[in-house]
Amino acid sequence: MPRLRYRAPKSPSRLEEHFLMLWKQARGPDLEREYRFHHERRWRADFAQMEARVLIEIEGGIWVNGRHNRAAGFNADLEKYLEASLAGWRVFRFGPDQITLGNVERLAALVAAAIRPSHPPTLHHTEISKH
């Protein structure tokens, strides 16, 4: 049996901090950082919104041949995202160019709508009297 290594929490990247600043500006629901969504593989997502079952990944190093775009790292990411999706999570990936206020606002609104209890529309008195 392979020996499990201690994995210290990673320090947040500049991109993650930028995303979080925009998320707060967009008044997005609370997020958990470095959420371990798979207990056997010990995979973590950069951010998770538990009620909406949304994982958010910030992909850095794409312009410097970083881990995410070398064959082994890319393949490992595909496996991780497939397992997350099969477990019922919606996975949203952001590269540096996608971390904009407009994109973050759209995602924050989508996540907020997913956790709001849905109520059937109520008819106003004037609408009822027309029928």
N, C-alpha and C. Protein backbone atom coordinates (compact mmCIF):
# COMPACT_ATOMS: atom_id res chain seq x y z
N MET A 1 0.85 -1.19 0.00
CA MET A 1 0.00 0.00 0.00
C MET A 1 0.89 1.24 0.00
N PRO A 2 0.64 2.17 -0.91
CA PRO A 2 1.48 3.37 -0.95
C PRO A 2 1.31 4.22 0.30
N ARG A 3 2.40 4.81 0.70
CA ARG A 3 2.38 5.67 1.88
C ARG A 3 1.79 7.03 1.53
N LEU A 4 0.85 7.50 2.33
CA LEU A 4 0.25 8.81 2.08
C LEU A 4 1.19 9.90 2.58
N ARG A 5 1.37 10.90 1.76
CA ARG A 5 2.21 12.02 2.14
C ARG A 5 1.35 13.11 2.76
N TYR A 6 1.94 13.84 3.69
CA TYR A 6 1.28 15.03 4.20
C TYR A 6 1.34 16.08 3.11
N ARG A 7 0.23 16.71 2.87
CA ARG A 7 0.17 17.75 1.85
C ARG A 7 -0.24 19.05 2.51
N ALA A 8 0.70 19.94 2.64
CA ALA A 8 0.41 21.23 3.26
C ALA A 8 -0.52 22.03 2.36
N PRO A 9 -1.40 22.82 2.96
CA PRO A 9 -2.28 23.65 2.13
C PRO A 9 -1.43 24.58 1.26
N LYS A 10 -1.82 24.67 -0.01
CA LYS A 10 -1.03 25.53 -0.89
C LYS A 10 -1.39 26.98 -0.64
N SER A 11 -0.44 27.83 -0.88
CA SER A 11 -0.74 29.25 -0.72
C SER A 11 -1.49 29.72 -1.97
N PRO A 12 -2.44 30.63 -1.78
CA PRO A 12 -3.27 31.06 -2.91
C PRO A 12 -2.43 31.77 -3.96
N SER A 13 -2.76 31.51 -5.21
CA SER A 13 -2.06 32.16 -6.31
C SER A 13 -2.62 33.56 -6.52
N ARG A 14 -1.87 34.34 -7.28
CA ARG A 14 -2.33 35.69 -7.62
C ARG A 14 -3.64 35.62 -8.39
N LEU A 15 -3.78 34.63 -9.29
CA LEU A 15 -5.01 34.48 -10.05
C LEU A 15 -6.19 34.11 -9.14
N GLU A 16 -5.96 33.22 -8.18
CA GLU A 16 -7.03 32.86 -7.25
C GLU A 16 -7.46 34.06 -6.42
N GLU A 17 -6.51 34.85 -5.98
CA GLU A 17 -6.84 36.05 -5.21
C GLU A 17 -7.63 37.04 -6.06
N HIS A 18 -7.24 37.18 -7.32
CA HIS A 18 -7.96 38.08 -8.23
C HIS A 18 -9.40 37.58 -8.44
N PHE A 19 -9.54 36.27 -8.68
CA PHE A 19 -10.87 35.69 -8.85
C PHE A 19 -11.72 35.95 -7.61
N LEU A 20 -11.16 35.71 -6.43
CA LEU A 20 -11.91 35.87 -5.18
C LEU A 20 -12.32 37.33 -4.96
N MET A 21 -11.45 38.27 -5.32
CA MET A 21 -11.80 39.69 -5.19
C MET A 21 -13.00 40.01 -6.08
N LEU A 22 -12.98 39.50 -7.33
CA LEU A 22 -14.10 39.74 -8.24
C LEU A 22 -15.36 39.03 -7.77
N TRP A 23 -15.21 37.83 -7.21
CA TRP A 23 -16.36 37.08 -6.68
C TRP A 23 -17.04 37.87 -5.57
N LYS A 24 -16.24 38.44 -4.69
CA LYS A 24 -16.81 39.25 -3.61
C LYS A 24 -17.47 40.51 -4.17
N GLN A 25 -16.86 41.11 -5.17
CA GLN A 25 -17.44 42.29 -5.81
C GLN A 25 -18.78 41.93 -6.46
N ALA A 26 -18.87 40.73 -7.02
CA ALA A 26 -20.10 40.27 -7.66
C ALA A 26 -21.12 39.76 -6.64
N ARG A 27 -20.75 39.78 -5.37
CA ARG A 27 -21.61 39.31 -4.27
C ARG A 27 -22.02 37.85 -4.46
N GLY A 28 -21.04 37.05 -4.87
CA GLY A 28 -21.28 35.61 -5.03
C GLY A 28 -21.45 34.94 -3.67
N PRO A 29 -22.15 33.81 -3.63
CA PRO A 29 -22.33 33.07 -2.38
C PRO A 29 -20.98 32.61 -1.82
N ASP A 30 -20.96 32.30 -0.55
CA ASP A 30 -19.73 31.88 0.11
C ASP A 30 -19.11 30.68 -0.59
N LEU A 31 -17.78 30.72 -0.68
CA LEU A 31 -17.02 29.63 -1.29
C LEU A 31 -16.09 29.02 -0.25
N GLU A 32 -15.85 27.74 -0.39
CA GLU A 32 -14.81 27.08 0.40
C GLU A 32 -13.58 26.99 -0.47
N ARG A 33 -12.42 27.24 0.12
CA ARG A 33 -11.16 27.15 -0.62
C ARG A 33 -10.54 25.80 -0.40
N GLU A 34 -9.83 25.33 -1.43
CA GLU A 34 -9.10 24.07 -1.36
C GLU A 34 -9.98 22.94 -0.82
N TYR A 35 -11.15 22.80 -1.42
CA TYR A 35 -12.13 21.80 -0.97
C TYR A 35 -11.77 20.42 -1.52
N ARG A 36 -11.65 19.47 -0.63
CA ARG A 36 -11.37 18.09 -1.03
C ARG A 36 -12.68 17.41 -1.37
N PHE A 37 -12.93 17.22 -2.66
CA PHE A 37 -14.21 16.68 -3.12
C PHE A 37 -14.18 15.18 -3.33
N HIS A 38 -13.01 14.57 -3.30
CA HIS A 38 -12.90 13.13 -3.53
C HIS A 38 -11.99 12.57 -2.44
N HIS A 39 -12.56 11.73 -1.57
CA HIS A 39 -11.80 11.29 -0.40
C HIS A 39 -10.79 10.19 -0.72
N GLU A 40 -11.07 9.36 -1.69
CA GLU A 40 -10.12 8.30 -2.02
C GLU A 40 -8.89 8.88 -2.72
N ARG A 41 -9.10 9.73 -3.70
CA ARG A 41 -7.99 10.30 -4.46
C ARG A 41 -7.45 11.57 -3.83
N ARG A 42 -8.16 12.10 -2.87
CA ARG A 42 -7.74 13.31 -2.15
C ARG A 42 -7.61 14.53 -3.08
N TRP A 43 -8.39 14.53 -4.17
CA TRP A 43 -8.38 15.66 -5.07
C TRP A 43 -9.01 16.87 -4.39
N ARG A 44 -8.51 18.02 -4.72
CA ARG A 44 -9.06 19.27 -4.20
C ARG A 44 -9.41 20.19 -5.36
N ALA A 45 -10.39 21.03 -5.11
CA ALA A 45 -10.74 22.08 -6.06
C ALA A 45 -10.32 23.41 -5.45
N ASP A 46 -9.98 24.36 -6.28
CA ASP A 46 -9.57 25.67 -5.77
C ASP A 46 -10.68 26.30 -4.94
N PHE A 47 -11.93 26.21 -5.45
CA PHE A 47 -13.08 26.76 -4.75
C PHE A 47 -14.26 25.81 -4.91
N ALA A 48 -15.12 25.78 -3.92
CA ALA A 48 -16.35 24.99 -4.01
C ALA A 48 -17.49 25.77 -3.39
N GLN A 49 -18.65 25.66 -4.01
CA GLN A 49 -19.88 26.19 -3.43
C GLN A 49 -20.72 24.95 -3.16
N MET A 50 -20.82 24.61 -1.89
CA MET A 50 -21.37 23.33 -1.47
C MET A 50 -22.84 23.15 -1.84
N GLU A 51 -23.67 24.14 -1.54
CA GLU A 51 -25.11 24.00 -1.78
C GLU A 51 -25.43 23.81 -3.26
N ALA A 52 -24.71 24.50 -4.13
CA ALA A 52 -24.95 24.40 -5.56
C ALA A 52 -24.17 23.25 -6.21
N ARG A 53 -23.30 22.61 -5.44
CA ARG A 53 -22.42 21.53 -5.94
C ARG A 53 -21.63 22.02 -7.16
N VAL A 54 -20.95 23.14 -6.95
CA VAL A 54 -20.14 23.76 -7.99
C VAL A 54 -18.69 23.78 -7.53
N LEU A 55 -17.80 23.34 -8.43
CA LEU A 55 -16.37 23.46 -8.21
C LEU A 55 -15.81 24.47 -9.20
N ILE A 56 -14.89 25.29 -8.73
CA ILE A 56 -14.27 26.30 -9.58
C ILE A 56 -12.76 26.07 -9.54
N GLU A 57 -12.19 25.92 -10.71
CA GLU A 57 -10.75 25.69 -10.84
C GLU A 57 -10.12 26.87 -11.56
N ILE A 58 -9.04 27.37 -11.01
CA ILE A 58 -8.27 28.45 -11.61
C ILE A 58 -7.03 27.81 -12.22
N GLU A 59 -6.93 27.87 -13.54
CA GLU A 59 -5.84 27.22 -14.26
C GLU A 59 -4.75 28.24 -14.56
N GLY A 60 -3.66 28.14 -13.86
CA GLY A 60 -2.54 29.04 -14.09
C GLY A 60 -1.46 28.37 -14.93
N GLY A 61 -0.47 29.12 -15.31
CA GLY A 61 0.68 28.59 -16.02
C GLY A 61 0.41 28.15 -17.44
N ILE A 62 -0.66 28.65 -18.05
CA ILE A 62 -0.98 28.16 -19.39
C ILE A 62 -0.06 28.75 -20.45
N TRP A 63 0.58 29.87 -20.17
CA TRP A 63 1.46 30.50 -21.16
C TRP A 63 2.92 30.12 -20.96
N VAL A 64 3.22 29.36 -19.93
CA VAL A 64 4.62 29.02 -19.64
C VAL A 64 4.83 27.51 -19.64
N ASN A 65 4.00 26.80 -20.39
CA ASN A 65 4.08 25.34 -20.45
C ASN A 65 4.02 24.74 -19.04
N GLY A 66 3.07 25.23 -18.26
CA GLY A 66 2.90 24.77 -16.89
C GLY A 66 2.28 23.39 -16.83
N ARG A 67 2.05 22.93 -15.64
CA ARG A 67 1.54 21.60 -15.36
C ARG A 67 0.26 21.28 -16.14
N HIS A 68 -0.63 22.25 -16.26
CA HIS A 68 -1.95 21.99 -16.85
C HIS A 68 -1.91 21.74 -18.36
N ASN A 69 -0.83 22.11 -19.02
CA ASN A 69 -0.81 21.87 -20.47
C ASN A 69 0.34 20.98 -20.92
N ARG A 70 0.97 20.28 -20.01
CA ARG A 70 1.87 19.19 -20.39
C ARG A 70 1.04 17.91 -20.35
N ALA A 71 1.40 16.95 -21.14
CA ALA A 71 0.56 15.75 -21.34
C ALA A 71 0.15 15.08 -20.03
N ALA A 72 1.06 14.80 -19.15
CA ALA A 72 0.72 14.08 -17.91
C ALA A 72 -0.20 14.92 -17.02
N GLY A 73 0.08 16.20 -16.88
CA GLY A 73 -0.76 17.07 -16.05
C GLY A 73 -2.13 17.28 -16.66
N PHE A 74 -2.17 17.46 -17.97
CA PHE A 74 -3.45 17.64 -18.67
C PHE A 74 -4.31 16.39 -18.49
N ASN A 75 -3.71 15.21 -18.68
CA ASN A 75 -4.44 13.96 -18.53
C ASN A 75 -4.94 13.77 -17.10
N ALA A 76 -4.12 14.12 -16.12
CA ALA A 76 -4.54 14.02 -14.71
C ALA A 76 -5.71 14.96 -14.43
N ASP A 77 -5.67 16.16 -15.01
CA ASP A 77 -6.78 17.10 -14.84
C ASP A 77 -8.06 16.54 -15.45
N LEU A 78 -7.96 15.93 -16.64
CA LEU A 78 -9.13 15.33 -17.27
C LEU A 78 -9.76 14.27 -16.37
N GLU A 79 -8.93 13.44 -15.77
CA GLU A 79 -9.44 12.41 -14.86
C GLU A 79 -10.13 13.04 -13.65
N LYS A 80 -9.52 14.04 -13.09
CA LYS A 80 -10.07 14.73 -11.92
C LYS A 80 -11.42 15.36 -12.24
N TYR A 81 -11.52 16.05 -13.37
CA TYR A 81 -12.77 16.72 -13.72
C TYR A 81 -13.86 15.73 -14.11
N LEU A 82 -13.48 14.64 -14.73
CA LEU A 82 -14.45 13.59 -15.05
C LEU A 82 -15.04 13.01 -13.77
N GLU A 83 -14.19 12.67 -12.81
CA GLU A 83 -14.67 12.11 -11.54
C GLU A 83 -15.56 13.10 -10.80
N ALA A 84 -15.19 14.37 -10.82
CA ALA A 84 -16.02 15.39 -10.16
C ALA A 84 -17.39 15.46 -10.81
N SER A 85 -17.43 15.47 -12.12
CA SER A 85 -18.70 15.53 -12.84
C SER A 85 -19.55 14.30 -12.59
N LEU A 86 -18.93 13.13 -12.61
CA LEU A 86 -19.67 11.90 -12.35
C LEU A 86 -20.21 11.83 -10.92
N ALA A 87 -19.57 12.56 -10.02
CA ALA A 87 -20.04 12.61 -8.62
C ALA A 87 -21.09 13.70 -8.42
N GLY A 88 -21.52 14.36 -9.50
CA GLY A 88 -22.60 15.34 -9.40
C GLY A 88 -22.16 16.78 -9.23
N TRP A 89 -20.87 17.06 -9.41
CA TRP A 89 -20.39 18.43 -9.32
C TRP A 89 -20.40 19.07 -10.71
N ARG A 90 -20.69 20.36 -10.75
CA ARG A 90 -20.50 21.14 -11.98
C ARG A 90 -19.15 21.81 -11.85
N VAL A 91 -18.30 21.63 -12.83
CA VAL A 91 -16.94 22.15 -12.78
C VAL A 91 -16.80 23.31 -13.75
N PHE A 92 -16.32 24.43 -13.24
CA PHE A 92 -16.07 25.62 -14.05
C PHE A 92 -14.58 25.93 -13.98
N ARG A 93 -13.97 26.06 -15.14
CA ARG A 93 -12.53 26.31 -15.22
C ARG A 93 -12.27 27.71 -15.76
N PHE A 94 -11.38 28.42 -15.08
CA PHE A 94 -11.00 29.76 -15.48
C PHE A 94 -9.50 29.82 -15.73
N GLY A 95 -9.12 30.31 -16.89
CA GLY A 95 -7.74 30.68 -17.15
C GLY A 95 -7.59 32.16 -16.89
N PRO A 96 -6.39 32.68 -17.01
CA PRO A 96 -6.18 34.11 -16.74
C PRO A 96 -7.09 35.02 -17.54
N ASP A 97 -7.34 34.69 -18.80
CA ASP A 97 -8.15 35.56 -19.65
C ASP A 97 -9.65 35.49 -19.34
N GLN A 98 -10.09 34.45 -18.62
CA GLN A 98 -11.50 34.31 -18.29
C GLN A 98 -11.85 34.98 -16.95
N ILE A 99 -10.84 35.36 -16.19
CA ILE A 99 -11.10 35.97 -14.88
C ILE A 99 -11.37 37.46 -15.09
N THR A 100 -12.61 37.74 -15.48
CA THR A 100 -13.06 39.12 -15.69
C THR A 100 -14.29 39.34 -14.82
N LEU A 101 -14.58 40.58 -14.52
CA LEU A 101 -15.76 40.87 -13.71
C LEU A 101 -17.02 40.34 -14.38
N GLY A 102 -17.14 40.51 -15.69
CA GLY A 102 -18.34 40.03 -16.39
C GLY A 102 -18.53 38.53 -16.25
N ASN A 103 -17.47 37.76 -16.47
CA ASN A 103 -17.57 36.30 -16.35
C ASN A 103 -17.86 35.87 -14.93
N VAL A 104 -17.20 36.50 -13.98
CA VAL A 104 -17.40 36.14 -12.58
C VAL A 104 -18.81 36.51 -12.13
N GLU A 105 -19.32 37.66 -12.57
CA GLU A 105 -20.69 38.05 -12.23
C GLU A 105 -21.69 37.03 -12.78
N ARG A 106 -21.47 36.58 -14.02
CA ARG A 106 -22.38 35.60 -14.62
C ARG A 106 -22.37 34.29 -13.85
N LEU A 107 -21.18 33.83 -13.45
CA LEU A 107 -21.11 32.59 -12.68
C LEU A 107 -21.72 32.78 -11.29
N ALA A 108 -21.45 33.90 -10.64
CA ALA A 108 -22.01 34.16 -9.32
C ALA A 108 -23.54 34.16 -9.37
N ALA A 109 -24.11 34.75 -10.41
CA ALA A 109 -25.58 34.77 -10.56
C ALA A 109 -26.11 33.35 -10.79
N LEU A 110 -25.43 32.57 -11.59
CA LEU A 110 -25.86 31.19 -11.84
C LEU A 110 -25.82 30.37 -10.56
N VAL A 111 -24.75 30.50 -9.80
CA VAL A 111 -24.61 29.75 -8.54
C VAL A 111 -25.66 30.21 -7.53
N ALA A 112 -25.86 31.51 -7.42
CA ALA A 112 -26.87 32.03 -6.49
C ALA A 112 -28.26 31.52 -6.86
N ALA A 113 -28.58 31.48 -8.14
CA ALA A 113 -29.88 30.99 -8.57
C ALA A 113 -30.04 29.50 -8.27
N ALA A 114 -28.95 28.76 -8.33
CA ALA A 114 -29.01 27.32 -8.06
C ALA A 114 -29.29 27.01 -6.60
N ILE A 115 -28.92 27.91 -5.70
CA ILE A 115 -29.14 27.63 -4.28
C ILE A 115 -30.38 28.31 -3.72
N ARG A 116 -30.98 29.21 -4.48
CA ARG A 116 -32.21 29.85 -4.05
C ARG A 116 -33.36 28.88 -4.17
N PRO A 117 -34.21 28.77 -3.15
CA PRO A 117 -35.38 27.90 -3.32
C PRO A 117 -36.29 28.47 -4.40
N SER A 118 -36.74 27.60 -5.26
CA SER A 118 -37.61 28.09 -6.34
C SER A 118 -39.05 28.12 -5.85
N HIS A 119 -39.72 29.19 -6.17
CA HIS A 119 -41.12 29.37 -5.81
C HIS A 119 -41.92 29.55 -7.10
N PRO A 120 -43.08 28.96 -7.17
CA PRO A 120 -43.90 29.22 -8.36
C PRO A 120 -44.26 30.69 -8.41
N PRO A 121 -44.35 31.25 -9.61
CA PRO A 121 -44.70 32.67 -9.69
C PRO A 121 -46.09 32.91 -9.11
N THR A 122 -46.21 34.00 -8.41
CA THR A 122 -47.52 34.34 -7.84
C THR A 122 -48.21 35.34 -8.75
N LEU A 123 -49.49 35.18 -8.91
CA LEU A 123 -50.27 36.11 -9.73
C LEU A 123 -50.72 37.27 -8.86
N HIS A 124 -50.64 38.43 -9.42
CA HIS A 124 -51.14 39.61 -8.72
C HIS A 124 -52.65 39.69 -8.92
N HIS A 125 -53.33 40.42 -8.05
CA HIS A 125 -54.78 40.53 -8.10
C HIS A 125 -55.28 40.97 -9.47
N THR A 126 -54.59 41.91 -10.09
CA THR A 126 -55.03 42.41 -11.40
C THR A 126 -54.93 41.34 -12.46
N GLU A 127 -53.92 40.47 -12.36
CA GLU A 127 -53.77 39.38 -13.34
C GLU A 127 -54.88 38.34 -13.17
N ILE A 128 -55.30 38.10 -11.95
CA ILE A 128 -56.32 37.11 -11.68
C ILE A 128 -57.67 37.59 -12.21
N SER A 129 -57.96 38.87 -12.02
CA SER A 129 -59.27 39.38 -12.44
C SER A 129 -59.43 39.42 -13.95
N LYS A 130 -58.33 39.37 -14.72
CA LYS A 130 -58.42 39.38 -16.18
C LYS A 130 -58.93 38.05 -16.71
N HIS A 131 -58.81 36.98 -15.96
CA HIS A 131 -59.17 35.64 -16.47
C HIS A 131 -60.55 35.25 -16.13
